[in-house]
Amino acid sequence: MAALERPRQGRMIAGVCAGLAQRFGVSRGVVRVAFVLSCALPGPQILVYLALWILLPNADA
């Protein structure tokens, strides 16, 4: 499995969804759609996204 990091290629905003998709071997689009749909539910999704943006390292160039 790939390391959990934010890739330099294929990012939309911060690369969090792209990094999660790469780590778990699923499509970036699937992770992005799942995140957007989850935002309709109550919970700390935005805070988790912001925390991952801060905590996940950038991939090496």
PDB file of N, CA and C in Angstrom:
ATOM      1  N   MET A   1       0.834  -1.186   0.000  1.00  0.00           N
ATOM      2  CA  MET A   1       0.000   0.000   0.000  1.00  0.00           C
ATOM      3  C   MET A   1       0.879   1.250   0.000  1.00  0.00           C
ATOM      4  N   ALA A   2       0.350   2.278  -0.583  1.00  0.00           N
ATOM      5  CA  ALA A   2       1.076   3.550  -0.639  1.00  0.00           C
ATOM      6  C   ALA A   2       1.005   4.243   0.726  1.00  0.00           C
ATOM      7  N   ALA A   3       1.951   5.120   0.948  1.00  0.00           N
ATOM      8  CA  ALA A   3       1.957   5.885   2.198  1.00  0.00           C
ATOM      9  C   ALA A   3       0.808   6.886   2.198  1.00  0.00           C
ATOM     10  N   LEU A   4       0.364   7.249   3.376  1.00  0.00           N
ATOM     11  CA  LEU A   4      -0.711   8.233   3.486  1.00  0.00           C
ATOM     12  C   LEU A   4      -0.094   9.618   3.436  1.00  0.00           C
ATOM     13  N   GLU A   5      -0.165  10.226   2.255  1.00  0.00           N
ATOM     14  CA  GLU A   5       0.389  11.550   2.022  1.00  0.00           C
ATOM     15  C   GLU A   5      -0.421  12.236   0.943  1.00  0.00           C
ATOM     16  N   ARG A   6      -0.286  13.558   0.863  1.00  0.00           N
ATOM     17  CA  ARG A   6      -1.019  14.329  -0.139  1.00  0.00           C
ATOM     18  C   ARG A   6      -0.181  14.406  -1.406  1.00  0.00           C
ATOM     19  N   PRO A   7      -0.644  13.797  -2.501  1.00  0.00           N
ATOM     20  CA  PRO A   7       0.134  13.800  -3.741  1.00  0.00           C
ATOM     21  C   PRO A   7       0.195  15.181  -4.378  1.00  0.00           C
ATOM     22  N   ARG A   8       1.233  15.414  -5.141  1.00  0.00           N
ATOM     23  CA  ARG A   8       1.374  16.698  -5.842  1.00  0.00           C
ATOM     24  C   ARG A   8       0.517  16.719  -7.109  1.00  0.00           C
ATOM     25  N   GLN A   9       0.252  15.572  -7.704  1.00  0.00           N
ATOM     26  CA  GLN A   9      -0.547  15.469  -8.925  1.00  0.00           C
ATOM     27  C   GLN A   9      -1.952  14.998  -8.580  1.00  0.00           C
ATOM     28  N   GLY A  10      -2.949  15.560  -9.234  1.00  0.00           N
ATOM     29  CA  GLY A  10      -4.328  15.113  -9.076  1.00  0.00           C
ATOM     30  C   GLY A  10      -5.067  15.730  -7.910  1.00  0.00           C
ATOM     31  N   ARG A  11      -4.556  16.801  -7.347  1.00  0.00           N
ATOM     32  CA  ARG A  11      -5.252  17.460  -6.248  1.00  0.00           C
ATOM     33  C   ARG A  11      -6.344  18.377  -6.785  1.00  0.00           C
ATOM     34  N   MET A  12      -7.353  18.571  -5.971  1.00  0.00           N
ATOM     35  CA  MET A  12      -8.371  19.567  -6.301  1.00  0.00           C
ATOM     36  C   MET A  12      -8.177  20.786  -5.390  1.00  0.00           C
ATOM     37  N   ILE A  13      -8.238  20.574  -4.090  1.00  0.00           N
ATOM     38  CA  ILE A  13      -8.063  21.676  -3.147  1.00  0.00           C
ATOM     39  C   ILE A  13      -6.754  21.481  -2.394  1.00  0.00           C
ATOM     40  N   ALA A  14      -6.698  20.491  -1.540  1.00  0.00           N
ATOM     41  CA  ALA A  14      -5.496  20.267  -0.735  1.00  0.00           C
ATOM     42  C   ALA A  14      -4.871  18.909  -0.992  1.00  0.00           C
ATOM     43  N   GLY A  15      -5.565  18.030  -1.666  1.00  0.00           N
ATOM     44  CA  GLY A  15      -5.032  16.711  -1.954  1.00  0.00           C
ATOM     45  C   GLY A  15      -5.385  15.658  -0.921  1.00  0.00           C
ATOM     46  N   VAL A  16      -6.251  15.995   0.022  1.00  0.00           N
ATOM     47  CA  VAL A  16      -6.616  15.041   1.066  1.00  0.00           C
ATOM     48  C   VAL A  16      -7.381  13.863   0.471  1.00  0.00           C
ATOM     49  N   CYS A  17      -8.390  14.120  -0.321  1.00  0.00           N
ATOM     50  CA  CYS A  17      -9.167  13.036  -0.928  1.00  0.00           C
ATOM     51  C   CYS A  17      -8.307  12.209  -1.883  1.00  0.00           C
ATOM     52  N   ALA A  18      -7.434  12.869  -2.634  1.00  0.00           N
ATOM     53  CA  ALA A  18      -6.546  12.151  -3.543  1.00  0.00           C
ATOM     54  C   ALA A  18      -5.581  11.261  -2.763  1.00  0.00           C
ATOM     55  N   GLY A  19      -5.087  11.748  -1.636  1.00  0.00           N
ATOM     56  CA  GLY A  19      -4.189  10.953  -0.800  1.00  0.00           C
ATOM     57  C   GLY A  19      -4.889   9.750  -0.196  1.00  0.00           C
ATOM     58  N   LEU A  20      -6.113   9.940   0.285  1.00  0.00           N
ATOM     59  CA  LEU A  20      -6.877   8.823   0.841  1.00  0.00           C
ATOM     60  C   LEU A  20      -7.193   7.793  -0.237  1.00  0.00           C
ATOM     61  N   ALA A  21      -7.550   8.259  -1.416  1.00  0.00           N
ATOM     62  CA  ALA A  21      -7.857   7.345  -2.518  1.00  0.00           C
ATOM     63  C   ALA A  21      -6.626   6.541  -2.913  1.00  0.00           C
ATOM     64  N   GLN A  22      -5.491   7.190  -2.989  1.00  0.00           N
ATOM     65  CA  GLN A  22      -4.244   6.516  -3.350  1.00  0.00           C
ATOM     66  C   GLN A  22      -3.873   5.488  -2.285  1.00  0.00           C
ATOM     67  N   ARG A  23      -4.055   5.824  -1.029  1.00  0.00           N
ATOM     68  CA  ARG A  23      -3.691   4.930   0.077  1.00  0.00           C
ATOM     69  C   ARG A  23      -4.536   3.678   0.087  1.00  0.00           C
ATOM     70  N   PHE A  24      -5.840   3.825  -0.168  1.00  0.00           N
ATOM     71  CA  PHE A  24      -6.746   2.692  -0.081  1.00  0.00           C
ATOM     72  C   PHE A  24      -7.075   2.060  -1.432  1.00  0.00           C
ATOM     73  N   GLY A  25      -6.474   2.557  -2.495  1.00  0.00           N
ATOM     74  CA  GLY A  25      -6.613   1.929  -3.805  1.00  0.00           C
ATOM     75  C   GLY A  25      -7.969   2.086  -4.452  1.00  0.00           C
ATOM     76  N   VAL A  26      -8.616   3.218  -4.250  1.00  0.00           N
ATOM     77  CA  VAL A  26      -9.899   3.488  -4.900  1.00  0.00           C
ATOM     78  C   VAL A  26      -9.767   4.736  -5.759  1.00  0.00           C
ATOM     79  N   SER A  27     -10.777   5.007  -6.539  1.00  0.00           N
ATOM     80  CA  SER A  27     -10.777   6.161  -7.420  1.00  0.00           C
ATOM     81  C   SER A  27     -10.863   7.461  -6.624  1.00  0.00           C
ATOM     82  N   ARG A  28     -10.159   8.478  -7.099  1.00  0.00           N
ATOM     83  CA  ARG A  28     -10.232   9.796  -6.456  1.00  0.00           C
ATOM     84  C   ARG A  28     -11.645  10.339  -6.492  1.00  0.00           C
ATOM     85  N   GLY A  29     -12.327  10.116  -7.603  1.00  0.00           N
ATOM     86  CA  GLY A  29     -13.700  10.600  -7.751  1.00  0.00           C
ATOM     87  C   GLY A  29     -14.645   9.981  -6.739  1.00  0.00           C
ATOM     88  N   VAL A  30     -14.459   8.706  -6.445  1.00  0.00           N
ATOM     89  CA  VAL A  30     -15.306   8.023  -5.467  1.00  0.00           C
ATOM     90  C   VAL A  30     -15.120   8.649  -4.088  1.00  0.00           C
ATOM     91  N   VAL A  31     -13.879   8.907  -3.715  1.00  0.00           N
ATOM     92  CA  VAL A  31     -13.613   9.505  -2.401  1.00  0.00           C
ATOM     93  C   VAL A  31     -14.170  10.923  -2.343  1.00  0.00           C
ATOM     94  N   ARG A  32     -14.014  11.669  -3.408  1.00  0.00           N
ATOM     95  CA  ARG A  32     -14.525  13.048  -3.430  1.00  0.00           C
ATOM     96  C   ARG A  32     -16.043  13.087  -3.327  1.00  0.00           C
ATOM     97  N   VAL A  33     -16.714  12.217  -4.081  1.00  0.00           N
ATOM     98  CA  VAL A  33     -18.175  12.163  -4.038  1.00  0.00           C
ATOM     99  C   VAL A  33     -18.636  11.716  -2.648  1.00  0.00           C
ATOM    100  N   ALA A  34     -17.962  10.737  -2.061  1.00  0.00           N
ATOM    101  CA  ALA A  34     -18.324  10.272  -0.715  1.00  0.00           C
ATOM    102  C   ALA A  34     -18.165  11.397   0.297  1.00  0.00           C
ATOM    103  N   PHE A  35     -17.108  12.197   0.165  1.00  0.00           N
ATOM    104  CA  PHE A  35     -16.912  13.309   1.092  1.00  0.00           C
ATOM    105  C   PHE A  35     -18.005  14.360   0.937  1.00  0.00           C
ATOM    106  N   VAL A  36     -18.324  14.718  -0.292  1.00  0.00           N
ATOM    107  CA  VAL A  36     -19.361  15.728  -0.532  1.00  0.00           C
ATOM    108  C   VAL A  36     -20.707  15.242  -0.010  1.00  0.00           C
ATOM    109  N   LEU A  37     -21.026  13.984  -0.263  1.00  0.00           N
ATOM    110  CA  LEU A  37     -22.294  13.438   0.243  1.00  0.00           C
ATOM    111  C   LEU A  37     -22.302  13.378   1.764  1.00  0.00           C
ATOM    112  N   SER A  38     -21.161  13.070   2.370  1.00  0.00           N
ATOM    113  CA  SER A  38     -21.104  12.996   3.829  1.00  0.00           C
ATOM    114  C   SER A  38     -21.293  14.366   4.475  1.00  0.00           C
ATOM    115  N   CYS A  39     -20.998  15.417   3.737  1.00  0.00           N
ATOM    116  CA  CYS A  39     -21.183  16.773   4.285  1.00  0.00           C
ATOM    117  C   CYS A  39     -22.656  17.105   4.506  1.00  0.00           C
ATOM    118  N   ALA A  40     -23.557  16.351   3.890  1.00  0.00           N
ATOM    119  CA  ALA A  40     -24.985  16.558   4.099  1.00  0.00           C
ATOM    120  C   ALA A  40     -25.434  15.974   5.437  1.00  0.00           C
ATOM    121  N   LEU A  41     -24.609  15.128   6.031  1.00  0.00           N
ATOM    122  CA  LEU A  41     -24.924  14.516   7.319  1.00  0.00           C
ATOM    123  C   LEU A  41     -24.317  15.346   8.443  1.00  0.00           C
ATOM    124  N   PRO A  42     -24.920  15.286   9.621  1.00  0.00           N
ATOM    125  CA  PRO A  42     -24.321  16.012  10.738  1.00  0.00           C
ATOM    126  C   PRO A  42     -23.022  15.332  11.175  1.00  0.00           C
ATOM    127  N   GLY A  43     -22.060  16.144  11.550  1.00  0.00           N
ATOM    128  CA  GLY A  43     -20.798  15.589  12.012  1.00  0.00           C
ATOM    129  C   GLY A  43     -19.636  16.511  11.699  1.00  0.00           C
ATOM    130  N   PRO A  44     -18.452  16.117  12.106  1.00  0.00           N
ATOM    131  CA  PRO A  44     -17.267  16.979  11.988  1.00  0.00           C
ATOM    132  C   PRO A  44     -16.464  16.757  10.701  1.00  0.00           C
ATOM    133  N   GLN A  45     -17.120  16.493   9.585  1.00  0.00           N
ATOM    134  CA  GLN A  45     -16.403  16.181   8.353  1.00  0.00           C
ATOM    135  C   GLN A  45     -15.443  17.292   7.937  1.00  0.00           C
ATOM    136  N   ILE A  46     -15.874  18.514   7.999  1.00  0.00           N
ATOM    137  CA  ILE A  46     -15.025  19.639   7.580  1.00  0.00           C
ATOM    138  C   ILE A  46     -13.823  19.759   8.509  1.00  0.00           C
ATOM    139  N   LEU A  47     -14.040  19.576   9.803  1.00  0.00           N
ATOM    140  CA  LEU A  47     -12.935  19.650  10.751  1.00  0.00           C
ATOM    141  C   LEU A  47     -11.922  18.526  10.530  1.00  0.00           C
ATOM    142  N   VAL A  48     -12.411  17.320  10.217  1.00  0.00           N
ATOM    143  CA  VAL A  48     -11.516  16.200   9.929  1.00  0.00           C
ATOM    144  C   VAL A  48     -10.717  16.488   8.666  1.00  0.00           C
ATOM    145  N   TYR A  49     -11.369  17.036   7.646  1.00  0.00           N
ATOM    146  CA  TYR A  49     -10.676  17.382   6.406  1.00  0.00           C
ATOM    147  C   TYR A  49      -9.585  18.411   6.673  1.00  0.00           C
ATOM    148  N   LEU A  50      -9.896  19.446   7.446  1.00  0.00           N
ATOM    149  CA  LEU A  50      -8.906  20.476   7.765  1.00  0.00           C
ATOM    150  C   LEU A  50      -7.746  19.894   8.581  1.00  0.00           C
ATOM    151  N   ALA A  51      -8.051  19.002   9.511  1.00  0.00           N
ATOM    152  CA  ALA A  51      -6.997  18.369  10.307  1.00  0.00           C
ATOM    153  C   ALA A  51      -6.083  17.519   9.428  1.00  0.00           C
ATOM    154  N   LEU A  52      -6.674  16.770   8.496  1.00  0.00           N
ATOM    155  CA  LEU A  52      -5.852  15.959   7.590  1.00  0.00           C
ATOM    156  C   LEU A  52      -5.023  16.848   6.675  1.00  0.00           C
ATOM    157  N   TRP A  53      -5.557  17.970   6.261  1.00  0.00           N
ATOM    158  CA  TRP A  53      -4.820  18.918   5.424  1.00  0.00           C
ATOM    159  C   TRP A  53      -3.556  19.376   6.163  1.00  0.00           C
ATOM    160  N   ILE A  54      -3.689  19.626   7.442  1.00  0.00           N
ATOM    161  CA  ILE A  54      -2.556  20.095   8.242  1.00  0.00           C
ATOM    162  C   ILE A  54      -1.596  18.951   8.569  1.00  0.00           C
ATOM    163  N   LEU A  55      -2.126  17.778   8.899  1.00  0.00           N
ATOM    164  CA  LEU A  55      -1.295  16.688   9.408  1.00  0.00           C
ATOM    165  C   LEU A  55      -0.623  15.834   8.330  1.00  0.00           C
ATOM    166  N   LEU A  56      -1.270  15.664   7.172  1.00  0.00           N
ATOM    167  CA  LEU A  56      -0.682  14.817   6.142  1.00  0.00           C
ATOM    168  C   LEU A  56       0.455  15.550   5.420  1.00  0.00           C
ATOM    169  N   PRO A  57       1.581  14.876   5.289  1.00  0.00           N
ATOM    170  CA  PRO A  57       2.692  15.522   4.582  1.00  0.00           C
ATOM    171  C   PRO A  57       2.467  15.515   3.075  1.00  0.00           C
ATOM    172  N   ASN A  58       3.117  16.449   2.382  1.00  0.00           N
ATOM    173  CA  ASN A  58       3.110  16.456   0.923  1.00  0.00           C
ATOM    174  C   ASN A  58       3.990  15.313   0.419  1.00  0.00           C
ATOM    175  N   ALA A  59       3.629  14.754  -0.712  1.00  0.00           N
ATOM    176  CA  ALA A  59       4.452  13.719  -1.327  1.00  0.00           C
ATOM    177  C   ALA A  59       5.729  14.373  -1.868  1.00  0.00           C
ATOM    178  N   ASP A  60       6.777  13.609  -1.886  1.00  0.00           N
ATOM    179  CA  ASP A  60       8.030  14.119  -2.453  1.00  0.00           C
ATOM    180  C   ASP A  60       7.879  14.357  -3.941  1.00  0.00           C
ATOM    181  N   ALA A  61       8.545  15.370  -4.429  1.00  0.00           N
ATOM    182  CA  ALA A  61       8.444  15.728  -5.853  1.00  0.00           C
ATOM    183  C   ALA A  61       9.070  14.706  -6.748  1.00  0.00           C
TER     184      ALA A  61
END
